[in-house]
C-alpha cells in the first residue's frame, strides 16, 4: 500500500479514513507526526465550517487527532518516503510559529519488513487523568468547543488519551456526558451525539 502525498484533505475526510496531516519539527532533532481520523459520531464535511471558514472558532470537521514523535530518517523509512524530511523548501512556519511540512497522506501505512500496516487513531476517554492532566485541568479536560463549558461524566472531568495503533482496529472509549438542562444550554443530544444548536458543532 503506497503512501501518496496530498492524496487527501481534512475537508473531505470520511468516517473511518485516516489522514497523516503534517510533520512538525520538535526538540531533540525529532519530528512530530499528526494523524486525524473521523470517528463514528463525526461528520467528514461540515457545512458550518464551510460557511464560516474565515472564522477561526470553527473547525473543518470533527476528526480526532493523535500525535507521534520520531527520528526523521526512521519516519522516511517506515513510510517509504525517502528524503521527504530533508526537503527544506517545503517546510514553513504556520500561524502558531511552528515549523511544519504538509503531508496529507490518505490512509497512511507503516512499511515494516516489506509488509504494510495501516495506522489508525485510537481515542480513549477517562475520568482518571494522569499527573499532567490533573494539574492542567483547564486545558486538558474536555470542553464544549474552544473555551466552552466543561463536559462532565457522572460529575467528573473527562480526559482524552489519543494514540495511534498499527495494524489493528482501534479500541475507542467514549464516555457518556451528563445531561444538561435545556434552560442553561443550547446543547442537545440526538442519537447519542451532542450538537450545539447555535453553531452546529458536534462535541462527541
N, C-alpha and C. Protein backbone atom coordinates (compact mmCIF):
# COMPACT_ATOMS: atom_id res chain seq x y z
N UNK A 1 0.85 -1.18 0.00
CA UNK A 1 0.00 0.00 0.00
C UNK A 1 0.89 1.24 0.00
N UNK A 2 0.78 2.05 -1.02
CA UNK A 2 1.66 3.19 -1.22
C UNK A 2 1.16 4.41 -0.46
N UNK A 3 2.08 5.15 0.15
CA UNK A 3 1.76 6.40 0.81
C UNK A 3 1.95 7.53 -0.19
N UNK A 4 0.86 8.22 -0.50
CA UNK A 4 0.88 9.24 -1.55
C UNK A 4 0.65 10.62 -0.92
N UNK A 5 1.60 11.53 -1.15
CA UNK A 5 1.46 12.89 -0.64
C UNK A 5 0.26 13.57 -1.30
N UNK A 6 -0.45 14.39 -0.51
CA UNK A 6 -1.58 15.20 -0.99
C UNK A 6 -2.67 14.35 -1.65
N UNK A 7 -2.87 13.15 -1.10
CA UNK A 7 -3.93 12.27 -1.62
C UNK A 7 -5.24 12.45 -0.86
N UNK A 8 -5.26 13.29 0.17
CA UNK A 8 -6.48 13.53 0.95
C UNK A 8 -6.46 14.90 1.57
N UNK A 9 -7.56 15.24 2.25
CA UNK A 9 -7.65 16.53 2.95
C UNK A 9 -8.60 16.39 4.12
N UNK A 10 -8.46 17.27 5.10
CA UNK A 10 -9.36 17.24 6.25
C UNK A 10 -10.80 17.54 5.84
N UNK A 11 -10.98 18.42 4.86
CA UNK A 11 -12.32 18.82 4.46
C UNK A 11 -13.11 17.68 3.82
N UNK A 12 -12.44 16.71 3.22
CA UNK A 12 -13.14 15.62 2.53
C UNK A 12 -12.99 14.28 3.25
N UNK A 13 -12.36 14.29 4.42
CA UNK A 13 -12.13 13.04 5.16
C UNK A 13 -13.45 12.43 5.61
N UNK A 14 -13.62 11.13 5.36
CA UNK A 14 -14.85 10.43 5.70
C UNK A 14 -14.65 9.52 6.91
N UNK A 15 -15.76 9.05 7.45
CA UNK A 15 -15.71 8.18 8.61
C UNK A 15 -14.84 6.96 8.35
N UNK A 16 -13.93 6.66 9.29
CA UNK A 16 -13.06 5.51 9.17
C UNK A 16 -11.80 5.76 8.37
N UNK A 17 -11.70 6.91 7.72
CA UNK A 17 -10.49 7.25 6.98
C UNK A 17 -9.51 7.97 7.91
N UNK A 18 -8.24 7.83 7.61
CA UNK A 18 -7.17 8.45 8.40
C UNK A 18 -6.34 9.34 7.49
N UNK A 19 -5.87 10.44 8.03
CA UNK A 19 -5.03 11.36 7.27
C UNK A 19 -3.77 11.68 8.08
N UNK A 20 -2.61 11.46 7.48
CA UNK A 20 -1.37 11.98 8.03
C UNK A 20 -1.29 13.42 7.56
N UNK A 21 -1.65 14.34 8.43
CA UNK A 21 -1.84 15.73 8.01
C UNK A 21 -0.53 16.46 7.78
N UNK A 22 0.41 16.33 8.74
CA UNK A 22 1.63 17.11 8.63
C UNK A 22 2.73 16.55 9.53
N UNK A 23 3.93 17.02 9.29
CA UNK A 23 5.07 16.79 10.17
C UNK A 23 5.43 18.12 10.81
N UNK A 24 5.90 18.06 12.04
CA UNK A 24 6.29 19.28 12.75
C UNK A 24 7.64 19.06 13.42
N UNK A 25 8.52 20.03 13.28
CA UNK A 25 9.82 19.95 13.92
C UNK A 25 9.68 20.21 15.41
N UNK A 26 10.23 19.29 16.23
CA UNK A 26 10.18 19.44 17.69
C UNK A 26 11.60 19.32 18.24
N UNK A 27 11.73 19.40 19.55
CA UNK A 27 13.05 19.42 20.17
C UNK A 27 13.78 18.08 20.00
N UNK A 28 15.09 18.13 20.16
CA UNK A 28 15.90 16.92 20.07
C UNK A 28 16.15 16.44 18.66
N UNK A 29 15.87 17.31 17.67
CA UNK A 29 16.08 16.91 16.28
C UNK A 29 15.03 15.96 15.74
N UNK A 30 13.96 15.78 16.49
CA UNK A 30 12.90 14.85 16.07
C UNK A 30 11.78 15.60 15.37
N UNK A 31 10.87 14.84 14.78
CA UNK A 31 9.68 15.42 14.16
C UNK A 31 8.44 14.77 14.77
N UNK A 32 7.36 15.51 14.77
CA UNK A 32 6.09 15.02 15.31
C UNK A 32 5.10 14.85 14.16
N UNK A 33 4.55 13.65 14.04
CA UNK A 33 3.54 13.36 13.03
C UNK A 33 2.16 13.60 13.61
N UNK A 34 1.28 14.21 12.83
CA UNK A 34 -0.10 14.41 13.26
C UNK A 34 -1.02 13.57 12.38
N UNK A 35 -1.87 12.76 13.03
CA UNK A 35 -2.84 11.92 12.33
C UNK A 35 -4.25 12.36 12.70
N UNK A 36 -5.16 12.28 11.76
CA UNK A 36 -6.56 12.64 12.00
C UNK A 36 -7.46 11.53 11.49
N UNK A 37 -8.52 11.22 12.24
CA UNK A 37 -9.49 10.21 11.82
C UNK A 37 -10.88 10.66 12.21
N UNK A 38 -11.81 10.54 11.28
CA UNK A 38 -13.22 10.84 11.56
C UNK A 38 -13.84 9.61 12.19
N UNK A 39 -14.33 9.77 13.39
CA UNK A 39 -14.91 8.65 14.12
C UNK A 39 -16.40 8.52 13.82
N UNK A 40 -17.02 7.50 14.42
CA UNK A 40 -18.41 7.13 14.10
C UNK A 40 -19.39 8.27 14.30
N UNK A 41 -19.21 9.07 15.36
CA UNK A 41 -20.16 10.13 15.65
C UNK A 41 -19.76 11.45 15.03
N UNK A 42 -18.80 11.41 14.08
CA UNK A 42 -18.32 12.63 13.44
C UNK A 42 -18.84 12.72 12.02
N UNK A 43 -18.73 13.88 11.43
CA UNK A 43 -19.10 14.06 10.03
C UNK A 43 -17.90 14.59 9.28
N UNK A 44 -17.68 14.07 8.06
CA UNK A 44 -16.48 14.43 7.34
C UNK A 44 -16.50 15.83 6.75
N UNK A 45 -17.65 16.28 6.26
CA UNK A 45 -17.74 17.58 5.63
C UNK A 45 -18.75 18.41 6.40
N UNK A 46 -18.26 19.46 7.07
CA UNK A 46 -19.08 20.24 7.99
C UNK A 46 -19.54 21.53 7.32
N UNK A 47 -20.84 21.67 7.00
CA UNK A 47 -21.32 22.89 6.35
C UNK A 47 -21.16 24.11 7.23
N UNK A 48 -21.20 23.94 8.56
CA UNK A 48 -20.99 25.07 9.46
C UNK A 48 -19.61 25.67 9.23
N UNK A 49 -18.60 24.79 9.06
CA UNK A 49 -17.26 25.28 8.77
C UNK A 49 -17.19 25.95 7.40
N UNK A 50 -17.76 25.32 6.39
CA UNK A 50 -17.63 25.84 5.03
C UNK A 50 -18.16 27.26 4.90
N UNK A 51 -19.25 27.56 5.62
CA UNK A 51 -19.83 28.89 5.53
C UNK A 51 -19.31 29.84 6.61
N UNK A 52 -18.34 29.35 7.41
CA UNK A 52 -17.71 30.19 8.43
C UNK A 52 -16.20 29.95 8.48
N UNK A 53 -15.60 29.51 7.37
CA UNK A 53 -14.21 29.08 7.38
C UNK A 53 -13.23 30.22 7.64
N UNK A 54 -13.65 31.47 7.48
CA UNK A 54 -12.77 32.59 7.79
C UNK A 54 -12.80 32.95 9.26
N UNK A 55 -13.66 32.27 10.04
CA UNK A 55 -13.76 32.47 11.48
C UNK A 55 -12.99 31.36 12.17
N UNK A 56 -11.91 31.73 12.91
CA UNK A 56 -11.02 30.74 13.50
C UNK A 56 -11.70 29.88 14.57
N UNK A 57 -12.89 30.28 15.04
CA UNK A 57 -13.57 29.50 16.07
C UNK A 57 -14.20 28.23 15.50
N UNK A 58 -14.31 28.14 14.18
CA UNK A 58 -14.93 26.98 13.55
C UNK A 58 -13.86 26.06 12.99
N UNK A 59 -14.08 24.74 13.14
CA UNK A 59 -13.14 23.76 12.64
C UNK A 59 -13.73 23.05 11.43
N UNK A 60 -12.83 22.50 10.59
CA UNK A 60 -13.26 21.94 9.31
C UNK A 60 -14.14 20.71 9.47
N UNK A 61 -13.85 19.88 10.43
CA UNK A 61 -14.70 18.75 10.75
C UNK A 61 -14.33 18.29 12.15
N UNK A 62 -14.96 17.25 12.60
CA UNK A 62 -14.71 16.80 13.97
C UNK A 62 -13.77 15.60 14.00
N UNK A 63 -12.84 15.55 13.06
CA UNK A 63 -11.84 14.48 13.06
C UNK A 63 -11.02 14.56 14.34
N UNK A 64 -10.76 13.40 14.93
CA UNK A 64 -9.96 13.33 16.16
C UNK A 64 -8.49 13.20 15.80
N UNK A 65 -7.61 13.75 16.62
CA UNK A 65 -6.19 13.81 16.30
C UNK A 65 -5.36 12.97 17.27
N UNK A 66 -4.22 12.52 16.79
CA UNK A 66 -3.22 11.84 17.61
C UNK A 66 -1.85 12.20 17.06
N UNK A 67 -0.86 12.21 17.95
CA UNK A 67 0.48 12.65 17.58
C UNK A 67 1.52 11.61 17.98
N UNK A 68 2.58 11.53 17.19
CA UNK A 68 3.67 10.59 17.48
C UNK A 68 4.99 11.22 17.04
N UNK A 69 5.96 11.23 17.96
CA UNK A 69 7.29 11.75 17.64
C UNK A 69 8.14 10.64 17.03
N UNK A 70 9.12 11.04 16.22
CA UNK A 70 10.01 10.06 15.62
C UNK A 70 11.29 10.69 15.09
N UNK A 71 12.25 9.85 14.79
CA UNK A 71 13.50 10.27 14.18
C UNK A 71 13.25 10.45 12.68
N UNK A 72 13.66 11.59 12.10
CA UNK A 72 13.36 11.85 10.68
C UNK A 72 13.72 10.70 9.75
N UNK A 73 14.90 10.11 9.90
CA UNK A 73 15.32 9.03 9.00
C UNK A 73 14.43 7.81 9.14
N UNK A 74 13.99 7.53 10.37
CA UNK A 74 13.12 6.37 10.59
C UNK A 74 11.71 6.62 10.03
N UNK A 75 11.24 7.86 10.15
CA UNK A 75 9.93 8.21 9.59
C UNK A 75 9.95 8.03 8.07
N UNK A 76 11.01 8.51 7.44
CA UNK A 76 11.14 8.35 5.99
C UNK A 76 11.13 6.88 5.60
N UNK A 77 11.86 6.06 6.36
CA UNK A 77 11.95 4.64 6.06
C UNK A 77 10.62 3.93 6.27
N UNK A 78 9.95 4.20 7.40
CA UNK A 78 8.71 3.50 7.73
C UNK A 78 7.58 3.83 6.76
N UNK A 79 7.59 5.05 6.21
CA UNK A 79 6.55 5.44 5.27
C UNK A 79 7.01 5.32 3.82
N UNK A 80 8.25 4.84 3.62
CA UNK A 80 8.80 4.70 2.27
C UNK A 80 8.70 6.01 1.50
N UNK A 81 9.12 7.08 2.17
CA UNK A 81 9.13 8.41 1.55
C UNK A 81 10.54 8.99 1.72
N UNK A 82 11.51 8.45 1.00
CA UNK A 82 12.91 8.88 1.18
C UNK A 82 13.10 10.36 0.85
N UNK A 83 13.84 11.05 1.74
CA UNK A 83 14.19 12.44 1.51
C UNK A 83 13.13 13.45 1.86
N UNK A 84 11.95 13.00 2.28
CA UNK A 84 10.84 13.94 2.50
C UNK A 84 11.16 14.93 3.62
N UNK A 85 11.83 14.46 4.68
CA UNK A 85 12.13 15.35 5.81
C UNK A 85 13.24 16.33 5.49
N UNK A 86 14.06 16.02 4.48
CA UNK A 86 15.16 16.89 4.11
C UNK A 86 14.82 17.90 3.05
N UNK A 87 13.56 17.95 2.64
CA UNK A 87 13.12 18.91 1.62
C UNK A 87 12.89 20.27 2.28
N UNK A 88 13.98 21.01 2.48
CA UNK A 88 13.92 22.25 3.25
C UNK A 88 12.95 23.27 2.67
N UNK A 89 12.81 23.30 1.36
CA UNK A 89 11.97 24.30 0.72
C UNK A 89 10.49 24.09 1.02
N UNK A 90 10.11 22.87 1.40
CA UNK A 90 8.69 22.58 1.64
C UNK A 90 8.26 22.90 3.07
N UNK A 91 9.22 23.04 3.98
CA UNK A 91 8.88 23.37 5.36
C UNK A 91 8.55 24.85 5.46
N UNK A 92 7.62 25.19 6.36
CA UNK A 92 7.25 26.60 6.55
C UNK A 92 6.75 26.81 7.97
N UNK A 93 6.64 28.05 8.38
CA UNK A 93 6.12 28.38 9.70
C UNK A 93 4.62 28.62 9.61
N UNK A 94 3.87 27.90 10.45
CA UNK A 94 2.42 28.10 10.45
C UNK A 94 2.04 29.28 11.34
N UNK A 95 0.72 29.48 11.51
CA UNK A 95 0.24 30.65 12.25
C UNK A 95 0.60 30.61 13.73
N UNK A 96 0.97 29.42 14.22
CA UNK A 96 1.36 29.29 15.63
C UNK A 96 2.88 29.39 15.80
N UNK A 97 3.60 29.62 14.72
CA UNK A 97 5.04 29.75 14.80
C UNK A 97 5.79 28.44 14.75
N UNK A 98 5.09 27.32 14.46
CA UNK A 98 5.73 26.01 14.38
C UNK A 98 6.23 25.76 12.95
N UNK A 99 7.35 25.09 12.83
CA UNK A 99 7.88 24.72 11.52
C UNK A 99 7.27 23.38 11.11
N UNK A 100 6.49 23.38 10.04
CA UNK A 100 5.72 22.20 9.66
C UNK A 100 5.92 21.88 8.18
N UNK A 101 5.57 20.65 7.84
CA UNK A 101 5.60 20.17 6.47
C UNK A 101 4.27 19.49 6.18
N UNK A 102 3.51 20.01 5.23
CA UNK A 102 2.22 19.42 4.89
C UNK A 102 2.42 18.07 4.20
N UNK A 103 1.64 17.07 4.64
CA UNK A 103 1.74 15.73 4.06
C UNK A 103 0.43 15.33 3.37
N UNK A 104 -0.67 15.34 4.13
CA UNK A 104 -2.00 15.00 3.61
C UNK A 104 -2.01 13.65 2.89
N UNK A 105 -1.45 12.64 3.59
CA UNK A 105 -1.42 11.27 3.07
C UNK A 105 -2.68 10.55 3.56
N UNK A 106 -3.53 10.13 2.63
CA UNK A 106 -4.77 9.46 2.99
C UNK A 106 -4.50 8.00 3.32
N UNK A 107 -5.06 7.55 4.45
CA UNK A 107 -4.91 6.16 4.90
C UNK A 107 -3.45 5.69 4.87
N UNK A 108 -2.60 6.37 5.65
CA UNK A 108 -1.17 6.02 5.65
C UNK A 108 -0.92 4.63 6.23
N UNK A 109 0.11 3.99 5.71
CA UNK A 109 0.52 2.68 6.21
C UNK A 109 2.00 2.71 6.53
N UNK A 110 2.34 2.06 7.63
CA UNK A 110 3.75 1.89 8.01
C UNK A 110 4.26 0.65 7.28
N UNK A 111 5.42 0.77 6.66
CA UNK A 111 6.00 -0.35 5.93
C UNK A 111 7.09 -0.98 6.79
N UNK A 112 6.86 -2.22 7.23
CA UNK A 112 7.83 -2.89 8.10
C UNK A 112 8.07 -4.30 7.59
N UNK A 113 9.32 -4.62 7.36
CA UNK A 113 9.70 -5.95 6.87
C UNK A 113 8.97 -6.28 5.57
N UNK A 114 8.77 -5.23 4.76
CA UNK A 114 8.13 -5.40 3.46
C UNK A 114 6.62 -5.49 3.49
N UNK A 115 6.03 -5.40 4.67
CA UNK A 115 4.58 -5.51 4.80
C UNK A 115 3.96 -4.18 5.23
N UNK A 116 2.80 -3.81 4.64
CA UNK A 116 2.14 -2.57 5.05
C UNK A 116 1.24 -2.81 6.27
N UNK A 117 1.28 -1.88 7.20
CA UNK A 117 0.44 -1.93 8.39
C UNK A 117 -0.32 -0.61 8.51
N UNK A 118 -1.64 -0.63 8.29
CA UNK A 118 -2.41 0.62 8.35
C UNK A 118 -2.36 1.25 9.74
N UNK A 119 -2.38 2.57 9.76
CA UNK A 119 -2.34 3.33 11.01
C UNK A 119 -3.74 3.87 11.29
N UNK A 120 -4.19 3.71 12.54
CA UNK A 120 -5.48 4.23 12.97
C UNK A 120 -5.30 5.11 14.21
N UNK A 121 -6.26 5.98 14.43
CA UNK A 121 -6.27 6.83 15.62
C UNK A 121 -7.16 6.18 16.67
N UNK A 122 -6.65 6.05 17.88
CA UNK A 122 -7.42 5.47 18.99
C UNK A 122 -7.70 6.55 20.03
N UNK A 123 -8.99 6.69 20.38
CA UNK A 123 -9.43 7.68 21.36
C UNK A 123 -10.00 6.95 22.57
N UNK A 124 -9.43 7.20 23.73
CA UNK A 124 -9.93 6.60 24.96
C UNK A 124 -10.16 7.69 26.00
N UNK A 125 -11.43 7.90 26.34
CA UNK A 125 -11.79 8.89 27.34
C UNK A 125 -11.82 8.26 28.72
N UNK A 126 -11.42 9.03 29.72
CA UNK A 126 -11.36 8.52 31.09
C UNK A 126 -11.60 9.66 32.07
N UNK A 127 -12.05 9.32 33.26
CA UNK A 127 -12.17 10.33 34.32
C UNK A 127 -10.95 10.30 35.22
N UNK A 128 -10.03 9.39 34.95
CA UNK A 128 -8.81 9.25 35.74
C UNK A 128 -7.64 9.82 34.95
N UNK A 129 -7.44 11.12 35.08
CA UNK A 129 -6.36 11.77 34.35
C UNK A 129 -5.00 11.43 34.92
N UNK A 130 -3.97 11.59 34.08
CA UNK A 130 -2.61 11.39 34.60
C UNK A 130 -2.19 12.65 35.36
N UNK A 131 -0.96 12.63 35.86
CA UNK A 131 -0.49 13.73 36.71
C UNK A 131 -0.54 15.07 35.98
N UNK A 132 -0.12 15.08 34.71
CA UNK A 132 -0.14 16.33 33.95
C UNK A 132 -1.57 16.80 33.69
N UNK A 133 -2.45 15.89 33.32
CA UNK A 133 -3.83 16.26 33.04
C UNK A 133 -4.52 16.84 34.27
N UNK A 134 -4.29 16.22 35.43
CA UNK A 134 -4.90 16.71 36.66
C UNK A 134 -4.38 18.10 37.00
N UNK A 135 -3.10 18.34 36.75
CA UNK A 135 -2.50 19.64 37.07
C UNK A 135 -2.88 20.71 36.06
N UNK A 136 -3.40 20.29 34.91
CA UNK A 136 -3.75 21.24 33.85
C UNK A 136 -5.19 21.03 33.38
N UNK A 137 -6.08 20.86 34.34
CA UNK A 137 -7.48 20.58 34.03
C UNK A 137 -8.08 21.63 33.10
N UNK A 138 -7.68 22.88 33.28
CA UNK A 138 -8.26 23.97 32.50
C UNK A 138 -8.09 23.75 31.00
N UNK A 139 -6.97 23.18 30.60
CA UNK A 139 -6.71 22.96 29.18
C UNK A 139 -6.82 21.49 28.77
N UNK A 140 -6.70 20.57 29.74
CA UNK A 140 -6.68 19.15 29.40
C UNK A 140 -8.06 18.50 29.41
N UNK A 141 -8.98 19.01 30.22
CA UNK A 141 -10.30 18.39 30.33
C UNK A 141 -11.17 18.74 29.12
N UNK A 142 -12.10 17.85 28.80
CA UNK A 142 -12.96 18.00 27.63
C UNK A 142 -13.93 19.17 27.82
N UNK A 143 -14.06 19.97 26.77
CA UNK A 143 -14.95 21.13 26.80
C UNK A 143 -15.91 21.10 25.60
N UNK A 144 -16.92 21.94 25.66
CA UNK A 144 -17.86 22.11 24.55
C UNK A 144 -17.30 23.14 23.58
N UNK A 145 -16.38 22.69 22.73
CA UNK A 145 -15.76 23.62 21.80
C UNK A 145 -14.67 24.42 22.49
N UNK A 146 -14.00 25.26 21.72
CA UNK A 146 -12.89 26.05 22.24
C UNK A 146 -13.40 27.05 23.28
N UNK A 147 -12.87 26.93 24.50
CA UNK A 147 -13.25 27.87 25.55
C UNK A 147 -14.64 27.67 26.12
N UNK A 148 -15.30 26.57 25.76
CA UNK A 148 -16.66 26.32 26.24
C UNK A 148 -16.68 25.71 27.63
N UNK A 149 -17.89 25.40 28.12
CA UNK A 149 -18.03 24.77 29.43
C UNK A 149 -17.44 23.37 29.40
N UNK A 150 -17.07 22.89 30.59
CA UNK A 150 -16.56 21.53 30.70
C UNK A 150 -17.68 20.52 30.44
N UNK A 151 -17.34 19.42 29.79
CA UNK A 151 -18.25 18.29 29.62
C UNK A 151 -17.90 17.28 30.71
N UNK A 152 -18.90 16.88 31.50
CA UNK A 152 -18.65 16.00 32.64
C UNK A 152 -19.28 14.63 32.44
N UNK A 153 -18.73 13.65 33.13
CA UNK A 153 -19.28 12.29 33.16
C UNK A 153 -19.48 11.91 34.62
N UNK A 154 -20.75 11.75 35.02
CA UNK A 154 -21.08 11.49 36.43
C UNK A 154 -20.45 12.54 37.35
N UNK A 155 -20.44 13.78 36.87
CA UNK A 155 -19.91 14.88 37.66
C UNK A 155 -18.41 15.01 37.64
N UNK A 156 -17.71 14.17 36.87
CA UNK A 156 -16.25 14.19 36.82
C UNK A 156 -15.76 14.75 35.48
N UNK A 157 -14.60 15.39 35.53
CA UNK A 157 -13.97 15.85 34.31
C UNK A 157 -13.64 14.65 33.41
N UNK A 158 -13.68 14.88 32.09
CA UNK A 158 -13.33 13.85 31.11
C UNK A 158 -11.99 14.22 30.49
N UNK A 159 -11.06 13.27 30.49
CA UNK A 159 -9.76 13.46 29.86
C UNK A 159 -9.65 12.50 28.67
N UNK A 160 -9.03 12.98 27.61
CA UNK A 160 -8.92 12.20 26.38
C UNK A 160 -7.47 11.79 26.14
N UNK A 161 -7.26 10.50 25.94
CA UNK A 161 -5.94 9.97 25.58
C UNK A 161 -5.99 9.53 24.12
N UNK A 162 -5.23 10.24 23.29
CA UNK A 162 -5.20 9.96 21.85
C UNK A 162 -3.88 9.29 21.49
N UNK A 163 -3.96 8.14 20.85
CA UNK A 163 -2.76 7.42 20.42
C UNK A 163 -2.98 6.86 19.02
N UNK A 164 -1.94 6.35 18.42
CA UNK A 164 -2.10 5.64 17.16
C UNK A 164 -1.90 4.15 17.42
N UNK A 165 -2.60 3.33 16.65
CA UNK A 165 -2.41 1.89 16.69
C UNK A 165 -2.03 1.43 15.28
N UNK A 166 -1.23 0.41 15.22
CA UNK A 166 -0.67 -0.03 13.94
C UNK A 166 -1.13 -1.45 13.62
N UNK A 167 -1.77 -1.61 12.47
CA UNK A 167 -2.18 -2.93 12.01
C UNK A 167 -3.30 -3.57 12.79
N UNK A 168 -4.10 -2.76 13.51
CA UNK A 168 -5.22 -3.32 14.27
C UNK A 168 -6.32 -2.27 14.40
N UNK A 169 -7.51 -2.74 14.74
CA UNK A 169 -8.64 -1.85 14.93
C UNK A 169 -8.48 -1.08 16.24
N UNK A 170 -8.77 0.21 16.25
CA UNK A 170 -8.69 0.98 17.50
C UNK A 170 -9.78 0.56 18.48
N UNK A 171 -9.45 0.58 19.75
CA UNK A 171 -10.41 0.28 20.81
C UNK A 171 -10.82 1.61 21.45
N UNK A 172 -11.76 2.28 20.80
CA UNK A 172 -12.19 3.61 21.26
C UNK A 172 -13.09 3.50 22.48
N UNK A 173 -12.97 4.47 23.37
CA UNK A 173 -13.83 4.57 24.55
C UNK A 173 -14.35 6.00 24.63
N UNK A 174 -15.67 6.18 24.50
CA UNK A 174 -16.29 7.48 24.63
C UNK A 174 -17.25 7.46 25.81
N UNK A 175 -17.03 8.35 26.78
CA UNK A 175 -17.87 8.40 27.97
C UNK A 175 -19.12 9.23 27.70
N UNK A 176 -20.25 8.77 28.23
CA UNK A 176 -21.50 9.49 28.03
C UNK A 176 -21.51 10.75 28.89
N UNK A 177 -21.74 11.90 28.27
CA UNK A 177 -21.74 13.15 29.05
C UNK A 177 -22.99 13.28 29.90
N UNK A 178 -22.86 13.99 31.00
CA UNK A 178 -24.01 14.26 31.86
C UNK A 178 -25.05 15.07 31.11
N UNK A 179 -26.31 14.86 31.45
CA UNK A 179 -27.40 15.60 30.83
C UNK A 179 -27.36 17.04 31.31
N UNK A 180 -27.57 17.97 30.38
CA UNK A 180 -27.54 19.39 30.69
C UNK A 180 -28.94 19.96 30.50
N UNK A 181 -29.39 20.73 31.46
CA UNK A 181 -30.73 21.31 31.40
C UNK A 181 -30.84 22.23 30.19
N UNK A 182 -31.96 22.11 29.48
CA UNK A 182 -32.17 22.91 28.28
C UNK A 182 -32.19 24.39 28.56
N UNK A 183 -32.59 24.78 29.77
CA UNK A 183 -32.70 26.19 30.10
C UNK A 183 -31.35 26.86 30.25
N UNK A 184 -30.29 26.08 30.44
CA UNK A 184 -28.98 26.67 30.67
C UNK A 184 -28.00 26.39 29.54
N UNK A 185 -28.45 25.69 28.52
CA UNK A 185 -27.53 25.33 27.45
C UNK A 185 -28.26 25.18 26.14
N UNK A 186 -27.56 25.45 25.03
CA UNK A 186 -28.12 25.24 23.71
C UNK A 186 -27.60 23.93 23.12
N UNK A 187 -27.01 23.08 23.96
CA UNK A 187 -26.51 21.78 23.51
C UNK A 187 -27.60 20.73 23.69
N UNK A 188 -27.88 19.97 22.64
CA UNK A 188 -28.90 18.93 22.71
C UNK A 188 -28.27 17.61 22.29
N UNK A 189 -28.92 16.52 22.71
CA UNK A 189 -28.46 15.19 22.32
C UNK A 189 -29.44 14.59 21.33
N UNK A 190 -28.88 13.98 20.30
CA UNK A 190 -29.71 13.28 19.32
C UNK A 190 -28.98 12.03 18.89
N UNK A 191 -29.57 10.88 19.15
CA UNK A 191 -28.98 9.59 18.79
C UNK A 191 -27.57 9.46 19.33
N UNK A 192 -27.38 9.91 20.59
CA UNK A 192 -26.10 9.75 21.24
C UNK A 192 -25.06 10.78 20.86
N UNK A 193 -25.41 11.74 20.01
CA UNK A 193 -24.47 12.77 19.58
C UNK A 193 -24.91 14.11 20.15
N UNK A 194 -23.98 14.84 20.78
CA UNK A 194 -24.27 16.17 21.30
C UNK A 194 -24.00 17.21 20.23
N UNK A 195 -24.97 18.09 19.99
CA UNK A 195 -24.85 19.11 18.97
C UNK A 195 -25.25 20.45 19.55
N UNK A 196 -24.44 21.48 19.28
CA UNK A 196 -24.78 22.84 19.68
C UNK A 196 -25.75 23.39 18.64
N UNK A 197 -26.96 23.71 19.06
CA UNK A 197 -27.98 24.14 18.10
C UNK A 197 -27.71 25.53 17.55
N UNK A 198 -26.83 26.30 18.18
CA UNK A 198 -26.50 27.62 17.66
C UNK A 198 -25.37 27.56 16.64
N UNK A 199 -24.37 26.71 16.89
CA UNK A 199 -23.20 26.66 16.00
C UNK A 199 -23.20 25.43 15.11
N UNK A 200 -23.95 24.39 15.48
CA UNK A 200 -23.91 23.14 14.72
C UNK A 200 -22.72 22.29 15.04
N UNK A 201 -21.93 22.68 16.06
CA UNK A 201 -20.73 21.94 16.41
C UNK A 201 -21.06 20.61 17.06
N UNK A 202 -20.34 19.56 16.65
CA UNK A 202 -20.50 18.23 17.21
C UNK A 202 -19.44 18.03 18.26
N UNK A 203 -19.84 17.60 19.48
CA UNK A 203 -18.91 17.53 20.58
C UNK A 203 -18.40 16.13 20.87
N UNK A 204 -19.03 15.09 20.38
CA UNK A 204 -18.54 13.74 20.67
C UNK A 204 -18.74 12.81 19.48
